[in-house]
């Protein structure tokens, strides 16, 4: 799953991390990439949203702050029902007048196989997104020798199919929604009330089969954030299905 949670502040103006956790739990994902989490910020009650959500979901997690503010941090996180090993975190090229952007890369031990998962949130301008996507396909990220298949890239790309960003990532990976069987139409995620843009994406490497994609349209999901979550049911060619998953006995911050 990839999901921009808007600091858990919904379209109704309410700050409800447990509402976000409930929506995620209801879809039973094994791996979750979240963007726009607050950790210790006064505006959201000084709560560590990453730890709170991980605890509620009983998942391992790793949080990376894209921005460190005086009273806390703001950034992205990856959650998993399977053990996580951090590989790389870092900032992406950003201008001074816009929020800093970042990415995190973890390795997930899925039943004896290592899955490389990268989560990111790209900028608001086409020029900045272009340089950020170029960084991510470069030798330190997707182009790294360590980034061997199976690979999953998730995030709020702020870019639609047909954009440079989508084309750039498609040179290395494949848009999961374009691998849907039959005549299934790709699902849009923004804005959550009445989505007409597909800006939240999951890209996968060869060796991964896409079985289905879901975007919830319940009133809770429409209210919880300005984005809807995207759930992709994937299967490794020689392995069981990735989602839905079972519960873990504990969560752990890496």
Protein backbone atom coordinates (compact mmCIF):
# COMPACT_ATOMS: atom_id res chain seq x y z
CA UNK A 1 0.00 0.00 0.00
CA UNK A 2 1.05 3.58 -0.67
CA UNK A 3 -0.80 6.34 1.18
CA UNK A 4 -0.24 10.07 1.69
CA UNK A 5 -1.88 10.59 5.10
CA UNK A 6 -1.62 14.42 5.25
CA UNK A 7 -0.27 14.39 8.84
CA UNK A 8 -3.45 12.47 9.80
CA UNK A 9 -5.45 15.69 9.38
CA UNK A 10 -8.57 14.89 7.42
CA UNK A 11 -10.81 16.86 5.12
CA UNK A 12 -13.01 17.47 8.15
CA UNK A 13 -10.10 19.22 9.91
CA UNK A 14 -9.77 16.49 12.55
CA UNK A 15 -6.37 15.09 13.58
CA UNK A 16 -7.06 11.36 13.93
CA UNK A 17 -4.09 8.98 13.56
CA UNK A 18 -6.26 6.10 14.73
CA UNK A 19 -8.64 6.72 11.83
CA UNK A 20 -5.72 6.32 9.42
CA UNK A 21 -4.62 3.15 11.22
CA UNK A 22 -8.15 1.75 11.01
CA UNK A 23 -8.33 2.34 7.26
CA UNK A 24 -4.96 0.65 6.73
CA UNK A 25 -5.85 -2.28 8.99
CA UNK A 26 -9.12 -2.82 7.11
CA UNK A 27 -7.20 -3.50 3.89
CA UNK A 28 -4.75 -5.99 5.49
CA UNK A 29 -1.52 -4.95 3.71
CA UNK A 30 1.82 -6.66 4.33
CA UNK A 31 3.88 -3.60 3.35
CA UNK A 32 2.81 0.05 3.74
CA UNK A 33 4.54 3.18 2.42
CA UNK A 34 3.23 6.34 4.12
CA UNK A 35 4.01 9.94 3.24
CA UNK A 36 3.52 13.13 5.28
CA UNK A 37 3.83 11.85 8.84
CA UNK A 38 4.35 14.16 11.82
CA UNK A 39 6.62 13.08 14.66
CA UNK A 40 6.57 15.27 17.76
CA UNK A 41 5.09 18.33 16.06
CA UNK A 42 2.91 20.68 18.12
CA UNK A 43 0.41 21.10 15.28
CA UNK A 44 -0.62 17.45 15.69
CA UNK A 45 -0.35 17.16 19.46
CA UNK A 46 3.35 16.24 19.66
CA UNK A 47 2.46 12.63 18.79
CA UNK A 48 4.89 10.24 17.11
CA UNK A 49 2.51 9.25 14.33
CA UNK A 50 4.86 6.63 12.88
CA UNK A 51 5.22 4.77 16.17
CA UNK A 52 1.55 5.11 17.05
CA UNK A 53 0.38 3.69 13.71
CA UNK A 54 2.99 0.91 13.80
CA UNK A 55 1.88 -0.07 17.30
CA UNK A 56 -1.77 -0.15 16.30
CA UNK A 57 -1.00 -2.23 13.18
CA UNK A 58 1.49 -4.49 14.99
CA UNK A 59 4.12 -3.83 12.31
CA UNK A 60 7.84 -3.22 12.05
CA UNK A 61 8.63 0.24 10.73
CA UNK A 62 11.30 2.70 9.70
CA UNK A 63 10.74 6.48 9.61
CA UNK A 64 12.84 9.03 7.74
CA UNK A 65 12.44 12.78 8.37
CA UNK A 66 12.48 14.83 5.19
CA UNK A 67 12.28 17.95 7.32
CA UNK A 68 13.42 18.62 10.88
CA UNK A 69 11.48 21.47 12.45
CA UNK A 70 12.27 23.10 15.80
CA UNK A 71 9.74 21.04 17.73
CA UNK A 72 9.73 17.82 15.73
CA UNK A 73 10.08 16.02 12.41
CA UNK A 74 8.07 15.46 9.23
CA UNK A 75 8.60 12.78 6.62
CA UNK A 76 7.90 9.30 5.26
CA UNK A 77 7.85 5.78 6.66
CA UNK A 78 7.69 2.14 5.61
CA UNK A 79 5.79 -0.42 7.68
CA UNK A 80 5.95 -4.19 7.29
CA UNK A 81 4.61 -7.39 8.82
CA UNK A 82 8.03 -8.88 8.07
CA UNK A 83 11.45 -7.81 9.43
CA UNK A 84 12.93 -4.60 8.02
CA UNK A 85 16.56 -3.69 7.42
CA UNK A 86 17.24 -0.02 6.55
CA UNK A 87 19.45 0.32 3.46
CA UNK A 88 19.50 4.04 2.66
CA UNK A 89 17.77 7.31 3.51
CA UNK A 90 18.41 10.74 2.09
CA UNK A 91 17.13 14.04 0.84
CA UNK A 92 16.25 14.79 -2.78
CA UNK A 93 17.09 17.99 -4.68
CA UNK A 94 14.77 20.72 -3.35
CA UNK A 95 14.46 24.48 -3.52
CA UNK A 96 14.65 26.64 -0.44
CA UNK A 97 11.11 27.94 -0.81
CA UNK A 98 9.47 24.51 -0.89
CA UNK A 99 9.41 21.67 1.67
CA UNK A 100 12.40 19.34 1.54
CA UNK A 101 11.77 16.02 -0.14
CA UNK A 102 13.30 12.69 0.74
CA UNK A 103 13.28 8.95 0.18
CA UNK A 104 13.94 5.83 2.21
CA UNK A 105 14.94 2.38 1.07
CA UNK A 106 14.56 -0.76 3.15
CA UNK A 107 15.08 -4.46 2.60
CA UNK A 108 12.24 -6.68 3.77
CA UNK A 109 12.80 -10.33 4.60
CA UNK A 110 9.72 -11.95 3.08
CA UNK A 111 9.78 -15.66 3.87
CA UNK A 112 13.44 -16.07 3.05
CA UNK A 113 13.50 -13.66 0.10
CA UNK A 114 14.78 -10.09 0.19
CA UNK A 115 12.48 -7.42 -1.26
CA UNK A 116 13.84 -3.92 -1.89
CA UNK A 117 11.23 -1.26 -1.08
CA UNK A 118 11.68 2.47 -1.72
CA UNK A 119 9.22 5.12 -0.55
CA UNK A 120 9.27 8.76 -1.65
CA UNK A 121 7.27 11.97 -1.96
CA UNK A 122 8.23 14.19 -4.88
CA UNK A 123 7.97 17.96 -5.23
CA UNK A 124 5.26 20.26 -6.57
CA UNK A 125 7.00 21.66 -9.66
CA UNK A 126 7.79 19.71 -12.86
CA UNK A 127 11.41 20.86 -12.89
CA UNK A 128 12.01 19.73 -9.32
CA UNK A 129 10.24 16.42 -9.84
CA UNK A 130 12.39 15.80 -12.89
CA UNK A 131 15.66 16.17 -10.94
CA UNK A 132 14.28 14.17 -8.02
CA UNK A 133 13.22 11.27 -10.23
CA UNK A 134 16.61 11.37 -11.97
CA UNK A 135 18.26 11.05 -8.57
CA UNK A 136 16.10 8.05 -7.70
CA UNK A 137 16.90 6.17 -10.91
CA UNK A 138 20.58 6.99 -10.46
CA UNK A 139 23.42 4.87 -9.07
CA UNK A 140 22.67 5.56 -5.40
CA UNK A 141 19.09 4.30 -5.53
CA UNK A 142 17.40 2.19 -8.22
CA UNK A 143 20.61 2.03 -10.23
CA UNK A 144 22.61 0.66 -7.32
CA UNK A 145 24.06 -2.86 -7.51
CA UNK A 146 22.36 -3.52 -4.16
CA UNK A 147 18.92 -2.74 -5.60
CA UNK A 148 18.34 -6.15 -7.12
CA UNK A 149 14.88 -7.55 -7.97
CA UNK A 150 12.36 -7.92 -6.58
CA UNK A 151 12.05 -4.13 -6.22
CA UNK A 152 9.02 -2.03 -5.30
CA UNK A 153 8.94 1.77 -5.59
CA UNK A 154 6.03 3.51 -3.85
CA UNK A 155 5.00 7.06 -3.24
CA UNK A 156 3.15 10.25 -3.90
CA UNK A 157 4.89 11.31 -7.09
CA UNK A 158 2.74 14.41 -7.66
CA UNK A 159 2.87 13.28 -11.29
CA UNK A 160 0.43 11.52 -13.57
CA UNK A 161 0.94 8.90 -16.30
CA UNK A 162 2.38 10.62 -19.37
CA UNK A 163 4.61 12.85 -17.26
CA UNK A 164 8.41 12.84 -17.38
CA UNK A 165 8.51 11.34 -13.89
CA UNK A 166 6.27 8.42 -14.86
CA UNK A 167 8.29 7.84 -18.03
CA UNK A 168 11.57 8.03 -16.10
CA UNK A 169 10.57 5.42 -13.52
CA UNK A 170 9.10 3.24 -16.26
CA UNK A 171 12.58 2.85 -17.76
CA UNK A 172 13.57 0.82 -14.69
CA UNK A 173 10.27 -0.56 -13.40
CA UNK A 174 6.64 -1.01 -14.44
CA UNK A 175 3.59 0.84 -13.16
CA UNK A 176 1.77 -1.87 -11.20
CA UNK A 177 -1.66 -0.66 -12.30
CA UNK A 178 -0.69 -1.13 -15.94
CA UNK A 179 -0.03 -4.81 -15.19
CA UNK A 180 -3.60 -5.43 -14.09
CA UNK A 181 -5.17 -8.46 -15.77
CA UNK A 182 -8.07 -7.96 -18.17
CA UNK A 183 -9.58 -4.55 -18.78
CA UNK A 184 -9.30 -3.17 -15.25
CA UNK A 185 -8.96 0.60 -15.27
CA UNK A 186 -6.23 2.21 -13.15
CA UNK A 187 -7.57 3.72 -9.93
CA UNK A 188 -7.24 7.43 -9.13
CA UNK A 189 -6.42 8.66 -5.64
CA UNK A 190 -6.51 12.49 -5.53
CA UNK A 191 -8.33 14.45 -4.29
CA UNK A 192 -9.93 11.92 -1.98
CA UNK A 193 -13.45 13.40 -2.04
CA UNK A 194 -13.75 12.98 -5.81
CA UNK A 195 -10.48 11.68 -7.27
CA UNK A 196 -9.63 12.58 -10.85
CA UNK A 197 -5.81 12.34 -10.81
CA UNK A 198 -3.52 9.31 -10.50
CA UNK A 199 -0.53 10.72 -8.62
CA UNK A 200 0.07 7.92 -6.07
CA UNK A 201 1.97 5.05 -7.64
CA UNK A 202 3.45 1.62 -7.08
CA UNK A 203 6.15 0.54 -9.55
CA UNK A 204 7.50 -3.03 -9.58
CA UNK A 205 10.42 -4.89 -11.12
CA UNK A 206 10.29 -8.01 -13.26
CA UNK A 207 9.45 -11.16 -11.35
CA UNK A 208 6.35 -9.65 -9.71
CA UNK A 209 2.82 -10.43 -10.89
CA UNK A 210 0.02 -7.97 -10.11
CA UNK A 211 -3.22 -9.70 -9.16
CA UNK A 212 -5.39 -6.71 -8.25
CA UNK A 213 -5.43 -3.05 -7.22
CA UNK A 214 -7.88 -1.43 -4.81
CA UNK A 215 -8.69 2.11 -3.76
CA UNK A 216 -11.30 2.39 -0.97
CA UNK A 217 -14.16 4.82 -1.51
CA UNK A 218 -15.78 4.71 1.93
CA UNK A 219 -16.72 7.98 3.65
CA UNK A 220 -14.01 7.34 6.28
CA UNK A 221 -11.37 7.02 3.55
CA UNK A 222 -12.61 10.15 1.82
CA UNK A 223 -12.44 12.12 5.07
CA UNK A 224 -9.21 10.77 6.59
CA UNK A 225 -6.76 12.48 4.19
CA UNK A 226 -6.69 14.47 0.97
CA UNK A 227 -5.41 11.30 -0.76
CA UNK A 228 -6.93 7.83 -0.95
CA UNK A 229 -4.70 4.80 -0.30
CA UNK A 230 -3.69 2.53 -3.17
CA UNK A 231 -3.43 -1.18 -2.39
CA UNK A 232 -1.66 -3.45 -4.87
CA UNK A 233 -1.90 -7.22 -4.46
CA UNK A 234 1.36 -8.61 -5.78
CA UNK A 235 2.88 -12.06 -6.07
CA UNK A 236 6.49 -13.08 -6.55
CA UNK A 237 6.81 -15.57 -9.38
CA UNK A 238 8.22 -18.23 -7.06
CA UNK A 239 6.57 -17.10 -3.80
CA UNK A 240 3.26 -16.63 -1.98
CA UNK A 241 1.15 -13.54 -2.32
CA UNK A 242 2.22 -10.19 -0.85
CA UNK A 243 -1.06 -9.02 0.76
CA UNK A 244 -3.18 -9.59 2.63
CA UNK A 245 -1.00 -10.65 5.53
CA UNK A 246 -1.22 -11.99 9.04
CA UNK A 247 -0.58 -10.24 12.33
CA UNK A 248 2.84 -9.96 13.92
CA UNK A 249 3.34 -10.31 17.66
CA UNK A 250 5.23 -7.04 18.03
CA UNK A 251 6.28 -3.87 16.31
CA UNK A 252 9.80 -2.55 16.18
CA UNK A 253 11.31 0.75 15.16
CA UNK A 254 14.45 0.27 13.12
